[in-house]
Amino acid sequence: MLKSMLRAILGIGLMVSGGASAGAFEEPWRFTGWRPVEGNPVFRGTGEDTWDRKIRERGFVLPEGGGYTLWYTGYDRDRPTTMSLGRATSIDGKAWRRDPANPVFRASWVEDVCVVRVDGTYHMFAEGRGDVAHRLSSLDGVRWTDHGPLDVRKVDGSPIGPGSFGTPTAWHEDGVWRLFYERGDQGVWLATSRDLKVWKNVKDEPVLARGPEPFDRAMIAVNQVVRRDGFYYMFYHALADAAVRDWTTNLARSRDLVHWEKYPGNPIVGGNCSSAVLVPSPEGDRLYTMHPEVRLFEPDGR
């Protein structure tokens, strides 16, 4: 049942728009109302002298085998020399057990992860050192191979400019991979690939721009895309004021993955809860925010 729900509901990736005006789509919005469950946070850093004393940025949850798997980033000091990848599993999505093999990957910097499973292979898109996106792959979700930094190019085929390109989020559909990435949290770009080797921008301007709405006028980055009722919905985090580090979770939607309408009632979750991932369960949709700890939300009926 979970597998069929996953195929019907999730198409995990991310998207953003600098484009459609509010009210461009007349259909009612989904995923706009959430309330925290009792017992939050459901997962956090150990707070002890371990490799994952703290966790940060986007982790990722997939329903698997009658339960759930969480991949997360751990580190052990305020100025870490590396960020390592951890794995945890859960039967109910609330109580989590760390993998005894943790960290499952520490050969290179892994942070802010997105996981997509296609044809039996796990593809992980993550930030590396310097906020440079790279891809890893695994057949079991435990042992990972790093394929190096992503080769992202402009529309004309020339390399994008130097500097960071992070918070990578991938969407796979009809044999085409789509990559959403940000540059300094100043906007979100979209690139596509068929071979996972060379990525070419759909356009050289952001598909999701900051503002002019007050809730995302300072910084934005995409976390996940899901598909429901003919729309692609994107969960993204944002700052209203760069001087006030109060990240929020926001929502946008699109018909084509390029042109996006922002939800006029954003943010959908406040209180510095960001890096959100929507996960289906037998009881209905759940929303996990991942930074600075994992918190679980359930629909509030809206």
Protein backbone atom coordinates (compact mmCIF):
# COMPACT_ATOMS: atom_id res chain seq x y z
CA MET A 1 0.00 0.00 0.00
CA LEU A 2 2.81 2.40 0.89
CA LYS A 3 4.50 1.78 -2.44
CA SER A 4 1.39 2.59 -4.42
CA MET A 5 0.75 5.67 -2.30
CA LEU A 6 4.31 6.78 -2.84
CA ARG A 7 4.03 6.47 -6.62
CA ALA A 8 0.72 8.29 -6.64
CA ILE A 9 1.64 11.08 -4.25
CA LEU A 10 5.39 11.64 -4.35
CA GLY A 11 7.63 12.41 -7.24
CA ILE A 12 10.32 13.73 -5.05
CA GLY A 13 12.17 16.80 -6.15
CA LEU A 14 11.88 20.53 -5.89
CA MET A 15 10.71 23.50 -7.83
CA VAL A 16 10.30 27.20 -7.61
CA SER A 17 8.78 30.12 -9.41
CA GLY A 18 9.53 33.65 -10.01
CA GLY A 19 6.55 33.76 -12.10
CA ALA A 20 2.83 33.15 -11.81
CA SER A 21 0.69 35.72 -10.10
CA ALA A 22 -1.39 34.89 -7.06
CA GLY A 23 -4.73 33.52 -8.09
CA ALA A 24 -3.45 32.25 -11.44
CA PHE A 25 -4.93 28.86 -10.59
CA GLU A 26 -8.51 28.73 -9.37
CA GLU A 27 -8.44 25.23 -7.83
CA PRO A 28 -8.21 25.00 -4.03
CA TRP A 29 -4.75 24.68 -2.53
CA ARG A 30 -3.55 21.55 -0.76
CA PHE A 31 -0.99 21.14 2.01
CA THR A 32 -1.63 24.55 3.57
CA GLY A 33 -2.61 23.70 7.17
CA TRP A 34 -0.42 21.79 9.65
CA ARG A 35 -0.24 21.23 13.40
CA PRO A 36 2.68 19.75 15.35
CA VAL A 37 2.27 16.30 16.89
CA GLU A 38 2.88 15.64 20.56
CA GLY A 39 6.39 14.55 21.43
CA ASN A 40 8.30 16.82 19.05
CA PRO A 41 11.09 16.84 18.11
CA VAL A 42 10.96 13.23 16.91
CA PHE A 43 14.68 13.18 16.02
CA ARG A 44 17.65 15.36 16.87
CA GLY A 45 21.40 15.34 17.39
CA THR A 46 22.66 13.28 20.30
CA GLY A 47 23.96 16.31 22.20
CA GLU A 48 26.84 14.10 23.28
CA ASP A 49 30.41 13.44 22.14
CA THR A 50 29.44 11.65 18.93
CA TRP A 51 29.88 12.29 15.19
CA ASP A 52 26.24 13.50 15.12
CA ARG A 53 26.16 15.64 18.23
CA LYS A 54 24.22 18.07 16.05
CA ILE A 55 22.20 17.68 12.86
CA ARG A 56 21.46 20.36 10.29
CA GLU A 57 19.85 21.31 7.01
CA ARG A 58 17.56 19.06 5.01
CA GLY A 59 17.31 15.39 5.87
CA PHE A 60 15.09 13.17 3.76
CA VAL A 61 12.44 10.57 4.61
CA LEU A 62 11.14 7.81 2.32
CA PRO A 63 8.48 5.20 3.12
CA GLU A 64 10.07 1.76 2.72
CA GLY A 65 9.22 -1.83 3.61
CA GLY A 66 6.30 -1.06 5.87
CA GLY A 67 8.25 1.66 7.69
CA TYR A 68 10.37 4.72 7.01
CA THR A 69 14.00 5.60 6.36
CA LEU A 70 15.61 8.90 7.27
CA TRP A 71 18.92 10.12 5.86
CA TYR A 72 20.43 13.04 7.76
CA THR A 73 23.56 15.18 8.11
CA GLY A 74 25.53 15.04 11.34
CA TYR A 75 28.51 16.95 12.73
CA ASP A 76 30.32 17.21 16.05
CA ARG A 77 31.41 20.84 16.52
CA ASP A 78 30.30 24.37 15.74
CA ARG A 79 32.95 24.73 13.02
CA PRO A 80 33.06 21.22 11.57
CA THR A 81 35.83 19.93 9.36
CA THR A 82 33.33 17.68 7.58
CA MET A 83 29.63 16.80 7.43
CA SER A 84 28.79 13.09 7.44
CA LEU A 85 25.76 11.09 6.36
CA GLY A 86 23.64 9.17 8.84
CA ARG A 87 20.72 6.82 8.47
CA ALA A 88 17.84 5.99 10.80
CA THR A 89 14.76 3.79 10.48
CA SER A 90 11.31 3.82 12.04
CA ILE A 91 8.18 1.69 12.07
CA ASP A 92 5.77 4.52 12.85
CA GLY A 93 7.69 7.57 11.62
CA LYS A 94 7.92 8.91 15.17
CA ALA A 95 10.38 6.71 17.07
CA TRP A 96 13.67 6.42 15.19
CA ARG A 97 16.56 3.98 15.50
CA ARG A 98 20.00 5.06 14.32
CA ASP A 99 21.78 2.64 12.01
CA PRO A 100 24.58 0.89 13.97
CA ALA A 101 26.81 1.37 10.90
CA ASN A 102 26.57 5.17 11.19
CA PRO A 103 27.91 7.30 9.74
CA VAL A 104 27.07 5.38 6.58
CA PHE A 105 29.15 7.77 4.46
CA ARG A 106 31.98 10.06 5.51
CA ALA A 107 34.40 10.00 2.58
CA SER A 108 33.32 13.49 1.50
CA TRP A 109 31.21 16.37 2.80
CA VAL A 110 27.48 15.49 2.61
CA GLU A 111 24.88 18.05 3.64
CA ASP A 112 21.32 19.07 2.77
CA VAL A 113 20.30 15.83 1.09
CA CYS A 114 17.53 14.88 -1.35
CA VAL A 115 16.95 11.19 -2.10
CA VAL A 116 15.14 9.82 -5.16
CA ARG A 117 14.78 6.10 -5.86
CA VAL A 118 14.52 5.15 -9.54
CA ASP A 119 14.59 1.58 -10.91
CA GLY A 120 16.00 0.17 -7.69
CA THR A 121 18.81 2.70 -7.30
CA TYR A 122 18.93 5.44 -4.69
CA HIS A 123 20.17 8.76 -6.05
CA MET A 124 21.23 11.31 -3.47
CA PHE A 125 21.75 14.96 -4.34
CA ALA A 126 23.62 16.88 -1.65
CA GLU A 127 25.75 19.87 -0.90
CA GLY A 128 29.47 19.23 -0.69
CA ARG A 129 32.22 21.43 0.68
CA GLY A 130 31.72 25.04 -0.33
CA ASP A 131 28.02 24.46 -1.06
CA VAL A 132 28.84 22.74 -4.34
CA ALA A 133 26.21 20.16 -5.30
CA HIS A 134 27.22 16.56 -5.94
CA ARG A 135 25.48 13.24 -6.54
CA LEU A 136 25.83 9.92 -4.74
CA SER A 137 24.22 6.58 -5.54
CA SER A 138 23.47 3.38 -3.64
CA LEU A 139 21.71 0.07 -4.22
CA ASP A 140 20.78 -0.44 -0.56
CA GLY A 141 20.60 3.06 0.91
CA VAL A 142 23.53 2.27 3.20
CA ARG A 143 26.65 1.99 1.04
CA TRP A 144 27.14 5.05 -1.16
CA THR A 145 29.34 6.02 -4.10
CA ASP A 146 30.17 9.68 -4.67
CA HIS A 147 30.08 10.67 -8.35
CA GLY A 148 31.53 14.12 -7.79
CA PRO A 149 30.28 17.67 -8.36
CA LEU A 150 27.41 18.21 -10.78
CA ASP A 151 28.26 19.65 -14.18
CA VAL A 152 25.68 22.44 -14.55
CA ARG A 153 25.66 24.61 -17.65
CA LYS A 154 23.84 27.61 -19.00
CA VAL A 155 21.26 27.44 -21.78
CA ASP A 156 24.03 27.91 -24.38
CA GLY A 157 26.07 25.03 -22.94
CA SER A 158 28.76 27.10 -21.22
CA PRO A 159 29.47 26.46 -17.51
CA ILE A 160 27.52 28.44 -14.93
CA GLY A 161 29.56 31.09 -13.16
CA PRO A 162 31.92 30.19 -10.30
CA GLY A 163 30.64 30.01 -6.74
CA SER A 164 28.28 27.91 -4.70
CA PHE A 165 25.25 26.10 -6.07
CA GLY A 166 23.45 24.20 -3.36
CA THR A 167 20.26 22.79 -1.86
CA PRO A 168 19.97 20.47 -4.89
CA THR A 169 16.58 18.89 -5.37
CA ALA A 170 15.86 16.37 -8.10
CA TRP A 171 12.67 15.35 -9.84
CA HIS A 172 12.55 12.41 -12.27
CA GLU A 173 9.74 12.05 -14.81
CA ASP A 174 9.47 10.43 -18.28
CA GLY A 175 13.20 9.74 -18.43
CA VAL A 176 14.17 13.34 -17.70
CA TRP A 177 15.89 14.50 -14.51
CA ARG A 178 15.19 18.01 -13.30
CA LEU A 179 17.48 19.73 -10.85
CA PHE A 180 16.49 22.71 -8.75
CA TYR A 181 19.36 24.54 -7.12
CA GLU A 182 19.99 27.85 -5.39
CA ARG A 183 22.90 30.25 -5.52
CA GLY A 184 23.49 31.96 -2.20
CA ASP A 185 19.78 31.51 -1.35
CA GLN A 186 19.12 34.41 -3.75
CA GLY A 187 16.94 32.46 -6.17
CA VAL A 188 16.25 28.98 -7.51
CA TRP A 189 17.31 27.77 -10.96
CA LEU A 190 16.15 24.73 -12.94
CA ALA A 191 18.36 22.47 -15.06
CA THR A 192 17.60 19.18 -16.82
CA SER A 193 19.55 16.05 -17.77
CA ARG A 194 18.95 12.64 -19.31
CA ASP A 195 22.27 11.06 -18.34
CA LEU A 196 22.89 12.48 -14.82
CA LYS A 197 26.22 13.80 -16.11
CA VAL A 198 25.55 17.12 -17.83
CA TRP A 199 22.79 19.45 -16.63
CA LYS A 200 21.57 22.36 -18.74
CA ASN A 201 19.55 25.30 -17.45
CA VAL A 202 15.99 25.62 -18.72
CA LYS A 203 16.64 29.35 -18.55
CA ASP A 204 19.46 31.37 -17.04
CA GLU A 205 17.18 33.30 -14.68
CA PRO A 206 15.61 31.87 -11.52
CA VAL A 207 12.36 29.97 -11.89
CA LEU A 208 11.65 30.93 -8.28
CA ALA A 209 12.69 34.43 -7.23
CA ARG A 210 12.79 36.15 -3.87
CA GLY A 211 9.82 38.35 -3.03
CA PRO A 212 8.24 40.69 -3.62
CA GLU A 213 6.14 38.97 -0.95
CA PRO A 214 7.43 39.78 2.56
CA PHE A 215 7.73 36.16 3.68
CA ASP A 216 10.54 35.30 1.21
CA ARG A 217 12.07 38.60 0.23
CA ALA A 218 15.51 37.88 1.78
CA MET A 219 16.42 34.25 0.97
CA ILE A 220 14.83 31.15 -0.56
CA ALA A 221 15.72 27.52 -1.30
CA VAL A 222 13.63 24.55 -2.47
CA ASN A 223 13.25 21.40 -0.40
CA GLN A 224 10.89 19.02 -2.22
CA VAL A 225 8.34 18.69 -5.00
CA VAL A 226 5.31 16.42 -4.91
CA ARG A 227 2.54 15.85 -7.43
CA ARG A 228 -1.16 15.90 -6.59
CA ASP A 229 -4.35 16.44 -8.61
CA GLY A 230 -2.63 17.75 -11.72
CA PHE A 231 -0.35 20.17 -9.87
CA TYR A 232 3.26 20.05 -8.81
CA TYR A 233 3.56 21.37 -5.28
CA MET A 234 6.84 22.71 -4.01
CA PHE A 235 7.86 23.05 -0.39
CA TYR A 236 10.54 25.68 0.11
CA HIS A 237 12.14 27.52 2.99
CA ALA A 238 12.66 31.24 3.17
CA LEU A 239 13.77 34.23 5.23
CA ALA A 240 11.82 37.44 5.46
CA ASP A 241 14.78 39.32 6.94
CA ALA A 242 18.41 38.23 6.53
CA ALA A 243 19.26 39.81 9.89
CA VAL A 244 16.69 37.64 11.68
CA ARG A 245 17.49 33.95 11.18
CA ASP A 246 13.90 32.77 11.48
CA TRP A 247 13.42 30.31 8.61
CA THR A 248 9.90 29.42 7.56
CA THR A 249 8.30 26.70 5.43
CA ASN A 250 6.39 27.87 2.37
CA LEU A 251 4.41 26.46 -0.53
CA ALA A 252 4.15 27.06 -4.28
CA ARG A 253 2.53 25.14 -7.15
CA SER A 254 2.89 24.74 -10.89
CA ARG A 255 1.45 22.95 -13.89
CA ASP A 256 4.75 22.65 -15.77
CA LEU A 257 7.62 22.78 -13.20
CA VAL A 258 8.77 26.10 -14.65
CA HIS A 259 6.06 28.66 -13.83
CA TRP A 260 5.17 28.82 -10.15
CA GLU A 261 2.45 30.45 -8.08
CA LYS A 262 3.24 31.13 -4.43
CA TYR A 263 0.60 30.37 -1.82
CA PRO A 264 -0.79 33.76 -0.70
CA GLY A 265 -1.07 32.54 2.91
CA ASN A 266 2.62 31.68 3.28
CA PRO A 267 4.33 30.70 5.48
CA ILE A 268 2.57 27.41 6.19
CA VAL A 269 4.91 26.62 9.12
CA GLY A 270 6.83 29.20 11.16
CA GLY A 271 8.87 29.10 14.33
CA ASN A 272 12.22 28.48 12.60
CA CYS A 273 11.05 25.11 11.28
CA SER A 274 12.43 24.62 7.80
CA SER A 275 13.70 22.14 5.20
CA ALA A 276 10.32 20.42 4.93
CA VAL A 277 9.57 17.04 3.36
CA LEU A 278 6.06 15.65 2.71
CA VAL A 279 5.72 11.92 3.40
CA PRO A 280 2.64 9.72 2.79
CA SER A 281 1.53 7.29 5.48
CA PRO A 282 -1.43 4.91 5.88
CA GLU A 283 -3.01 7.57 8.10
CA GLY A 284 -2.53 10.35 5.56
CA ASP A 285 0.05 12.99 4.70
CA ARG A 286 2.74 14.00 7.14
CA LEU A 287 5.13 16.92 7.02
CA TYR A 288 8.60 16.70 8.53
CA THR A 289 10.68 19.83 9.05
CA MET A 290 14.37 18.98 9.36
CA HIS A 291 16.24 22.02 10.59
CA PRO A 292 17.53 22.47 13.25
CA GLU A 293 15.88 19.24 14.43
CA VAL A 294 13.26 16.89 12.99
CA ARG A 295 9.70 17.89 13.84
CA LEU A 296 6.55 16.14 12.66
CA PHE A 297 3.33 17.86 11.62
CA GLU A 298 -0.07 16.47 10.68
CA PRO A 299 -2.89 18.12 8.69
CA ASP A 300 -5.03 20.46 10.76
CA GLY A 301 -8.09 20.04 8.56
CA ARG A 302 -7.60 23.07 6.31
